[in-house]
Structures are given as structure tokens and as C-alpha cells.
C-alpha atoms as a PDB file:
ATOM      1  CA  UNK A   1       0.000   0.000   0.000  1.00  0.00           C
ATOM      2  CA  UNK A   2       1.247   3.479  -0.797  1.00  0.00           C
ATOM      3  CA  UNK A   3       2.400   5.687   2.059  1.00  0.00           C
ATOM      4  CA  UNK A   4       1.494   9.071   0.583  1.00  0.00           C
ATOM      5  CA  UNK A   5      -0.061  10.022   3.909  1.00  0.00           C
ATOM      6  CA  UNK A   6       3.487  10.350   5.215  1.00  0.00           C
ATOM      7  CA  UNK A   7       4.723  12.423   2.295  1.00  0.00           C
ATOM      8  CA  UNK A   8       1.774  14.800   2.215  1.00  0.00           C
ATOM      9  CA  UNK A   9       1.324  15.162   5.931  1.00  0.00           C
ATOM     10  CA  UNK A  10       5.025  15.729   6.527  1.00  0.00           C
ATOM     11  CA  UNK A  11       4.953  18.571   4.009  1.00  0.00           C
ATOM     12  CA  UNK A  12       2.165  20.259   5.925  1.00  0.00           C
ATOM     13  CA  UNK A  13       3.727  19.510   9.274  1.00  0.00           C
ATOM     14  CA  UNK A  14       7.023  21.040   8.223  1.00  0.00           C
ATOM     15  CA  UNK A  15       5.141  24.280   7.703  1.00  0.00           C
ATOM     16  CA  UNK A  16       3.981  24.089  11.285  1.00  0.00           C
ATOM     17  CA  UNK A  17       7.495  23.419  12.488  1.00  0.00           C
ATOM     18  CA  UNK A  18       8.610  26.600  10.776  1.00  0.00           C
ATOM     19  CA  UNK A  19       6.042  28.831  12.423  1.00  0.00           C
ATOM     20  CA  UNK A  20       6.936  31.722  14.699  1.00  0.00           C
ATOM     21  CA  UNK A  21       8.741  30.689  17.876  1.00  0.00           C
ATOM     22  CA  UNK A  22       7.317  31.552  21.260  1.00  0.00           C
ATOM     23  CA  UNK A  23       3.655  31.822  20.281  1.00  0.00           C
ATOM     24  CA  UNK A  24       2.070  29.974  23.171  1.00  0.00           C
ATOM     25  CA  UNK A  25      -1.107  31.976  23.646  1.00  0.00           C
ATOM     26  CA  UNK A  26      -4.178  29.931  24.548  1.00  0.00           C
ATOM     27  CA  UNK A  27      -6.976  29.413  22.067  1.00  0.00           C
ATOM     28  CA  UNK A  28     -10.120  31.474  22.281  1.00  0.00           C
ATOM     29  CA  UNK A  29     -13.368  31.850  20.402  1.00  0.00           C
ATOM     30  CA  UNK A  30     -11.962  34.961  18.724  1.00  0.00           C
ATOM     31  CA  UNK A  31      -8.794  33.228  17.541  1.00  0.00           C
ATOM     32  CA  UNK A  32      -8.314  33.694  13.813  1.00  0.00           C
ATOM     33  CA  UNK A  33      -7.351  30.868  11.503  1.00  0.00           C
ATOM     34  CA  UNK A  34      -3.855  32.297  10.995  1.00  0.00           C
ATOM     35  CA  UNK A  35      -3.398  32.752  14.762  1.00  0.00           C
ATOM     36  CA  UNK A  36      -4.422  29.144  15.238  1.00  0.00           C
ATOM     37  CA  UNK A  37      -1.865  27.928  12.702  1.00  0.00           C
ATOM     38  CA  UNK A  38       0.846  29.975  14.446  1.00  0.00           C
ATOM     39  CA  UNK A  39      -0.101  28.602  17.862  1.00  0.00           C
ATOM     40  CA  UNK A  40      -0.147  25.004  16.666  1.00  0.00           C
ATOM     41  CA  UNK A  41       3.230  25.543  15.025  1.00  0.00           C
ATOM     42  CA  UNK A  42       4.675  26.970  18.231  1.00  0.00           C
ATOM     43  CA  UNK A  43       3.648  23.857  20.130  1.00  0.00           C
ATOM     44  CA  UNK A  44       5.202  21.583  17.534  1.00  0.00           C
ATOM     45  CA  UNK A  45       8.426  23.590  17.474  1.00  0.00           C
ATOM     46  CA  UNK A  46       8.773  23.211  21.238  1.00  0.00           C
ATOM     47  CA  UNK A  47       8.531  19.434  20.905  1.00  0.00           C
ATOM     48  CA  UNK A  48      10.931  19.204  17.977  1.00  0.00           C
ATOM     49  CA  UNK A  49      13.580  21.364  19.638  1.00  0.00           C
ATOM     50  CA  UNK A  50      13.464  19.483  22.919  1.00  0.00           C
ATOM     51  CA  UNK A  51      16.097  16.963  24.004  1.00  0.00           C
ATOM     52  CA  UNK A  52      13.511  14.188  24.198  1.00  0.00           C
ATOM     53  CA  UNK A  53      14.016  10.909  22.370  1.00  0.00           C
ATOM     54  CA  UNK A  54      12.137  10.132  19.156  1.00  0.00           C
ATOM     55  CA  UNK A  55       9.660   7.956  21.072  1.00  0.00           C
ATOM     56  CA  UNK A  56       9.100  10.667  23.673  1.00  0.00           C
ATOM     57  CA  UNK A  57       8.536  13.262  20.974  1.00  0.00           C
ATOM     58  CA  UNK A  58       5.981  11.001  19.319  1.00  0.00           C
ATOM     59  CA  UNK A  59       4.130  10.638  22.597  1.00  0.00           C
ATOM     60  CA  UNK A  60       4.139  14.411  23.118  1.00  0.00           C
ATOM     61  CA  UNK A  61       2.883  14.988  19.586  1.00  0.00           C
ATOM     62  CA  UNK A  62      -0.167  12.808  20.147  1.00  0.00           C
ATOM     63  CA  UNK A  63      -2.189  15.217  22.344  1.00  0.00           C
ATOM     64  CA  UNK A  64      -1.112  18.248  20.303  1.00  0.00           C
ATOM     65  CA  UNK A  65      -2.369  16.729  17.069  1.00  0.00           C
ATOM     66  CA  UNK A  66      -5.482  15.380  18.772  1.00  0.00           C
ATOM     67  CA  UNK A  67      -6.334  18.934  19.790  1.00  0.00           C
ATOM     68  CA  UNK A  68      -5.329  20.746  16.628  1.00  0.00           C
ATOM     69  CA  UNK A  69      -6.311  18.335  13.852  1.00  0.00           C
ATOM     70  CA  UNK A  70      -9.777  16.911  13.226  1.00  0.00           C
ATOM     71  CA  UNK A  71      -8.365  13.444  12.680  1.00  0.00           C
ATOM     72  CA  UNK A  72     -11.746  11.690  12.849  1.00  0.00           C
ATOM     73  CA  UNK A  73     -13.142  13.917  10.110  1.00  0.00           C
ATOM     74  CA  UNK A  74     -10.093  13.404   7.890  1.00  0.00           C
ATOM     75  CA  UNK A  75     -10.135   9.665   8.535  1.00  0.00           C
ATOM     76  CA  UNK A  76     -13.802   9.375   7.641  1.00  0.00           C
ATOM     77  CA  UNK A  77     -13.234  11.376   4.463  1.00  0.00           C
ATOM     78  CA  UNK A  78     -10.265   9.208   3.494  1.00  0.00           C
ATOM     79  CA  UNK A  79     -12.319   6.022   3.779  1.00  0.00           C
ATOM     80  CA  UNK A  80     -14.790   7.498   1.291  1.00  0.00           C
ATOM     81  CA  UNK A  81     -17.765   5.392   0.277  1.00  0.00           C
ATOM     82  CA  UNK A  82     -16.479   2.488   2.337  1.00  0.00           C
ATOM     83  CA  UNK A  83     -17.285   4.438   5.497  1.00  0.00           C
ATOM     84  CA  UNK A  84     -20.987   3.834   4.782  1.00  0.00           C
ATOM     85  CA  UNK A  85     -20.538   0.080   4.433  1.00  0.00           C
ATOM     86  CA  UNK A  86     -18.131  -0.419   7.350  1.00  0.00           C
ATOM     87  CA  UNK A  87     -19.505  -1.896  10.560  1.00  0.00           C
ATOM     88  CA  UNK A  88     -19.382   0.142  13.796  1.00  0.00           C
ATOM     89  CA  UNK A  89     -16.552  -2.096  14.970  1.00  0.00           C
ATOM     90  CA  UNK A  90     -14.584  -1.552  11.762  1.00  0.00           C
ATOM     91  CA  UNK A  91     -15.093   2.216  11.966  1.00  0.00           C
ATOM     92  CA  UNK A  92     -13.856   2.334  15.549  1.00  0.00           C
ATOM     93  CA  UNK A  93     -10.815   0.178  14.805  1.00  0.00           C
ATOM     94  CA  UNK A  94      -9.983   2.088  11.626  1.00  0.00           C
ATOM     95  CA  UNK A  95     -10.161   5.506  13.320  1.00  0.00           C
ATOM     96  CA  UNK A  96      -8.004   4.319  16.207  1.00  0.00           C
ATOM     97  CA  UNK A  97      -5.355   3.175  13.741  1.00  0.00           C
ATOM     98  CA  UNK A  98      -5.705   6.312  11.619  1.00  0.00           C
ATOM     99  CA  UNK A  99      -4.921   8.506  14.644  1.00  0.00           C
ATOM    100  CA  UNK A 100      -1.717   6.549  15.167  1.00  0.00           C
ATOM    101  CA  UNK A 101      -0.842   6.696  11.468  1.00  0.00           C
ATOM    102  CA  UNK A 102      -1.112  10.490  11.516  1.00  0.00           C
ATOM    103  CA  UNK A 103       1.165  10.845  14.544  1.00  0.00           C
ATOM    104  CA  UNK A 104       3.721   8.414  13.123  1.00  0.00           C
ATOM    105  CA  UNK A 105       3.698  10.222   9.780  1.00  0.00           C
ATOM    106  CA  UNK A 106       4.460  13.512  11.502  1.00  0.00           C
ATOM    107  CA  UNK A 107       7.156  12.198  13.805  1.00  0.00           C
ATOM    108  CA  UNK A 108       8.878  10.004  11.206  1.00  0.00           C
ATOM    109  CA  UNK A 109      10.599  12.908   9.424  1.00  0.00           C
ATOM    110  CA  UNK A 110      10.863  15.477  12.216  1.00  0.00           C
ATOM    111  CA  UNK A 111      14.620  15.502  12.265  1.00  0.00           C
ATOM    112  CA  UNK A 112      14.933  16.007   8.511  1.00  0.00           C
ATOM    113  CA  UNK A 113      13.523  19.518   8.329  1.00  0.00           C
ATOM    114  CA  UNK A 114      15.223  21.655  10.962  1.00  0.00           C
ATOM    115  CA  UNK A 115      16.373  25.104  10.027  1.00  0.00           C
ATOM    116  CA  UNK A 116      13.324  25.974   7.980  1.00  0.00           C
ATOM    117  CA  UNK A 117      11.517  29.308   8.000  1.00  0.00           C
ATOM    118  CA  UNK A 118       8.191  30.487   6.672  1.00  0.00           C
ATOM    119  CA  UNK A 119       6.093  33.352   5.486  1.00  0.00           C
ATOM    120  CA  UNK A 120       2.383  33.362   6.286  1.00  0.00           C
ATOM    121  CA  UNK A 121       0.210  34.721   3.514  1.00  0.00           C
ATOM    122  CA  UNK A 122      -3.431  35.606   3.370  1.00  0.00           C
ATOM    123  CA  UNK A 123      -6.524  33.849   4.620  1.00  0.00           C
ATOM    124  CA  UNK A 124      -9.391  33.125   2.243  1.00  0.00           C
ATOM    125  CA  UNK A 125     -12.863  31.702   2.734  1.00  0.00           C
ATOM    126  CA  UNK A 126     -13.674  28.238   1.368  1.00  0.00           C
ATOM    127  CA  UNK A 127     -17.357  27.701   2.075  1.00  0.00           C
ATOM    128  CA  UNK A 128     -17.684  27.507   5.858  1.00  0.00           C
ATOM    129  CA  UNK A 129     -13.930  26.924   6.248  1.00  0.00           C
ATOM    130  CA  UNK A 130     -10.857  29.137   5.922  1.00  0.00           C
ATOM    131  CA  UNK A 131      -7.636  28.540   4.027  1.00  0.00           C
ATOM    132  CA  UNK A 132      -4.366  29.870   5.449  1.00  0.00           C
ATOM    133  CA  UNK A 133      -1.553  30.221   2.915  1.00  0.00           C
ATOM    134  CA  UNK A 134       2.064  29.767   3.956  1.00  0.00           C
ATOM    135  CA  UNK A 135       5.317  29.607   2.021  1.00  0.00           C
ATOM    136  CA  UNK A 136       7.856  27.180   3.440  1.00  0.00           C
ATOM    137  CA  UNK A 137      11.544  28.045   3.048  1.00  0.00           C
ATOM    138  CA  UNK A 138      13.770  24.972   3.333  1.00  0.00           C
ATOM    139  CA  UNK A 139      17.574  24.937   3.360  1.00  0.00           C
ATOM    140  CA  UNK A 140      18.980  24.002  -0.061  1.00  0.00           C
ATOM    141  CA  UNK A 141      15.495  23.225  -1.391  1.00  0.00           C
ATOM    142  CA  UNK A 142      12.943  25.223  -3.374  1.00  0.00           C
ATOM    143  CA  UNK A 143      10.285  27.128  -1.484  1.00  0.00           C
ATOM    144  CA  UNK A 144       7.040  25.205  -1.047  1.00  0.00           C
ATOM    145  CA  UNK A 145       3.603  26.788  -1.134  1.00  0.00           C
ATOM    146  CA  UNK A 146       1.224  25.196   1.358  1.00  0.00           C
ATOM    147  CA  UNK A 147      -2.383  25.729   2.335  1.00  0.00           C
ATOM    148  CA  UNK A 148      -4.055  24.826   5.626  1.00  0.00           C
ATOM    149  CA  UNK A 149      -7.818  24.250   5.555  1.00  0.00           C
ATOM    150  CA  UNK A 150      -9.204  25.256   8.949  1.00  0.00           C
ATOM    151  CA  UNK A 151     -12.712  24.368  10.128  1.00  0.00           C
ATOM    152  CA  UNK A 152     -14.617  25.478  13.245  1.00  0.00           C
ATOM    153  CA  UNK A 153     -17.410  22.929  12.799  1.00  0.00           C
ATOM    154  CA  UNK A 154     -16.307  21.143  15.977  1.00  0.00           C
ATOM    155  CA  UNK A 155     -16.613  24.368  17.996  1.00  0.00           C
ATOM    156  CA  UNK A 156     -12.933  25.319  17.828  1.00  0.00           C
ATOM    157  CA  UNK A 157     -10.425  25.741  14.973  1.00  0.00           C
ATOM    158  CA  UNK A 158      -9.034  22.483  13.635  1.00  0.00           C
ATOM    159  CA  UNK A 159      -7.008  21.436  10.610  1.00  0.00           C
ATOM    160  CA  UNK A 160      -9.164  19.387   8.213  1.00  0.00           C
ATOM    161  CA  UNK A 161      -6.842  19.287   5.209  1.00  0.00           C
ATOM    162  CA  UNK A 162      -3.310  20.181   4.150  1.00  0.00           C
ATOM    163  CA  UNK A 163      -2.272  21.013   0.615  1.00  0.00           C
ATOM    164  CA  UNK A 164       1.231  21.141  -0.745  1.00  0.00           C
ATOM    165  CA  UNK A 165       2.502  21.352  -4.307  1.00  0.00           C
ATOM    166  CA  UNK A 166      -1.120  21.358  -5.447  1.00  0.00           C
ATOM    167  CA  UNK A 167      -1.981  18.059  -3.754  1.00  0.00           C
ATOM    168  CA  UNK A 168      -4.562  17.581  -1.005  1.00  0.00           C
ATOM    169  CA  UNK A 169      -3.709  15.236   1.864  1.00  0.00           C
ATOM    170  CA  UNK A 170      -7.206  13.882   2.271  1.00  0.00           C
ATOM    171  CA  UNK A 171      -7.939  13.589  -1.459  1.00  0.00           C
ATOM    172  CA  UNK A 172      -4.639  11.790  -2.105  1.00  0.00           C
ATOM    173  CA  UNK A 173      -5.102   9.429   0.792  1.00  0.00           C
ATOM    174  CA  UNK A 174      -8.731   8.781  -0.099  1.00  0.00           C
ATOM    175  CA  UNK A 175      -7.642   7.633  -3.544  1.00  0.00           C
ATOM    176  CA  UNK A 176      -4.923   5.389  -2.118  1.00  0.00           C
ATOM    177  CA  UNK A 177      -7.234   3.780   0.441  1.00  0.00           C
ATOM    178  CA  UNK A 178     -10.021   3.251  -2.084  1.00  0.00           C
ATOM    179  CA  UNK A 179      -7.649   1.637  -4.570  1.00  0.00           C
ATOM    180  CA  UNK A 180      -6.207  -0.630  -1.894  1.00  0.00           C
ATOM    181  CA  UNK A 181      -9.622  -1.797  -0.726  1.00  0.00           C
ATOM    182  CA  UNK A 182     -10.740  -2.415  -4.325  1.00  0.00           C
ATOM    183  CA  UNK A 183      -7.641  -4.518  -4.992  1.00  0.00           C
ATOM    184  CA  UNK A 184      -8.461  -6.591  -1.922  1.00  0.00           C
ATOM    185  CA  UNK A 185     -12.001  -7.639  -2.708  1.00  0.00           C
ATOM    186  CA  UNK A 186     -13.689  -4.505  -1.383  1.00  0.00           C
ATOM    187  CA  UNK A 187     -12.877  -5.514   2.194  1.00  0.00           C
ATOM    188  CA  UNK A 188     -12.344  -2.759   4.755  1.00  0.00           C
ATOM    189  CA  UNK A 189     -10.645  -5.332   6.980  1.00  0.00           C
ATOM    190  CA  UNK A 190      -7.836  -5.569   4.417  1.00  0.00           C
ATOM    191  CA  UNK A 191      -7.056  -1.870   4.876  1.00  0.00           C
ATOM    192  CA  UNK A 192      -7.297  -2.171   8.658  1.00  0.00           C
ATOM    193  CA  UNK A 193      -4.779  -5.028   8.584  1.00  0.00           C
ATOM    194  CA  UNK A 194      -2.416  -3.023   6.360  1.00  0.00           C
ATOM    195  CA  UNK A 195      -2.604   0.000   8.663  1.00  0.00           C
ATOM    196  CA  UNK A 196      -1.910  -2.202  11.684  1.00  0.00           C
ATOM    197  CA  UNK A 197       1.172  -3.626   9.971  1.00  0.00           C
ATOM    198  CA  UNK A 198       2.366  -0.114   9.178  1.00  0.00           C
ATOM    199  CA  UNK A 199       1.966   0.905  12.824  1.00  0.00           C
ATOM    200  CA  UNK A 200       3.707  -2.243  14.039  1.00  0.00           C
ATOM    201  CA  UNK A 201       6.756  -1.255  11.985  1.00  0.00           C
ATOM    202  CA  UNK A 202       6.924   2.234  13.512  1.00  0.00           C
ATOM    203  CA  UNK A 203       5.473   1.794  16.971  1.00  0.00           C
ATOM    204  CA  UNK A 204       2.274   3.292  18.337  1.00  0.00           C
ATOM    205  CA  UNK A 205       2.172   6.519  20.370  1.00  0.00           C
ATOM    206  CA  UNK A 206       0.754   6.349  23.859  1.00  0.00           C
ATOM    207  CA  UNK A 207      -2.403   8.346  24.492  1.00  0.00           C
ATOM    208  CA  UNK A 208      -2.802  10.239  27.720  1.00  0.00           C
END
């Protein structure tokens, strides 16, 4: 199975790692989408720059991503039409694994992107959501334009999609998951097994 979730999510996460240092203000109802992206980035930067081990960093990332990313919504979207046919037990197991996949994808490449900087651009409306533009400046690599789709449907700002180099995380992963399930007899359990194997290779983060 393809691992584009790692490639696409890492691109978006690197943007967060490059956000302004020291922005640790608490969230509020009046927090703008761009302020939210800066705050989330500040939390991630603190973790990355710590002296913790890779496993410890992964564990610290878990609650930050749980708070700042609507992982359930993204996971449901990525499963596409198979979400409607999955049993309650399959949905619960899939989402549990998807949360771990997201954290592993972020932590896997953390050490590869230090020394980056960024420029935050404008914020535009996309239906009920907002898109925050950011340009990522990476040492010895071309600048990367990224877009963060921020939703407040849950009652607070959360990331619901990341776009980089014109590709959407959730659209790309939805295509990969759908193709994998189709190649395996239309069975959601086949995807669940593949995700479990992927997690077993990387280790699962510990929830609080």
C-alpha cells in the first residue's frame, strides 16, 4: 500500500514546524485561523527542539495533534464510500489506527527539516472553512507553497486538510485507500490489517 499520507502530511507539518517561535497563547473563540496555525506551530516547534528521544517526541505529539487536527473527520473522508458500508466495529478500529498513522507520519521525518523558516500569507474563505496560505523556506530546497484548511465545525479551529505542491492530503489518501480496498475484494478489513502492519513497523504513540 502506498504511504502518501506520510509524504503529504510531513509537508504540511514542516510548515507548522517553521512557524513563529514563542507563540504559546491559549486558544479562544476569537482566535483567527492564521493565529491558530501559528499557535499550533509553536507547540510543535517546542517538541521538535526538545532533548527528548524520538519515542518521547511522538508521545508528546499525540495530544497536540489530537487537539489541533480533526483526525476523525479526515479519517472518515479518506475512507470514502467504504465508510458507509463499514460496521461500527470496523469504523472504531480504523479511526483508532488512523490517529496513530497520523502521529507516526508527523514524527517520522521530524529531524529532517530543521532550520526551515516560513512566510504566512493571506486567509481566504472556502465555504464555511478558511484557508491559510504559507510559504515554506527549506535549506537548499525550493520554497514550497502550502495551504491549511481550517474548520470550526467542531466548535474550535481544527485542521481538516493540508495542501502542498497542489496536492490535497485527504484527497490523495482517499484515492490510495479506495484503490487498496478495491484490490483486496472490497474488504475494509484488508485496509485495517495493512494500517496495523504499518503501525507495528513504527510503533504506536501512547495516548494520555
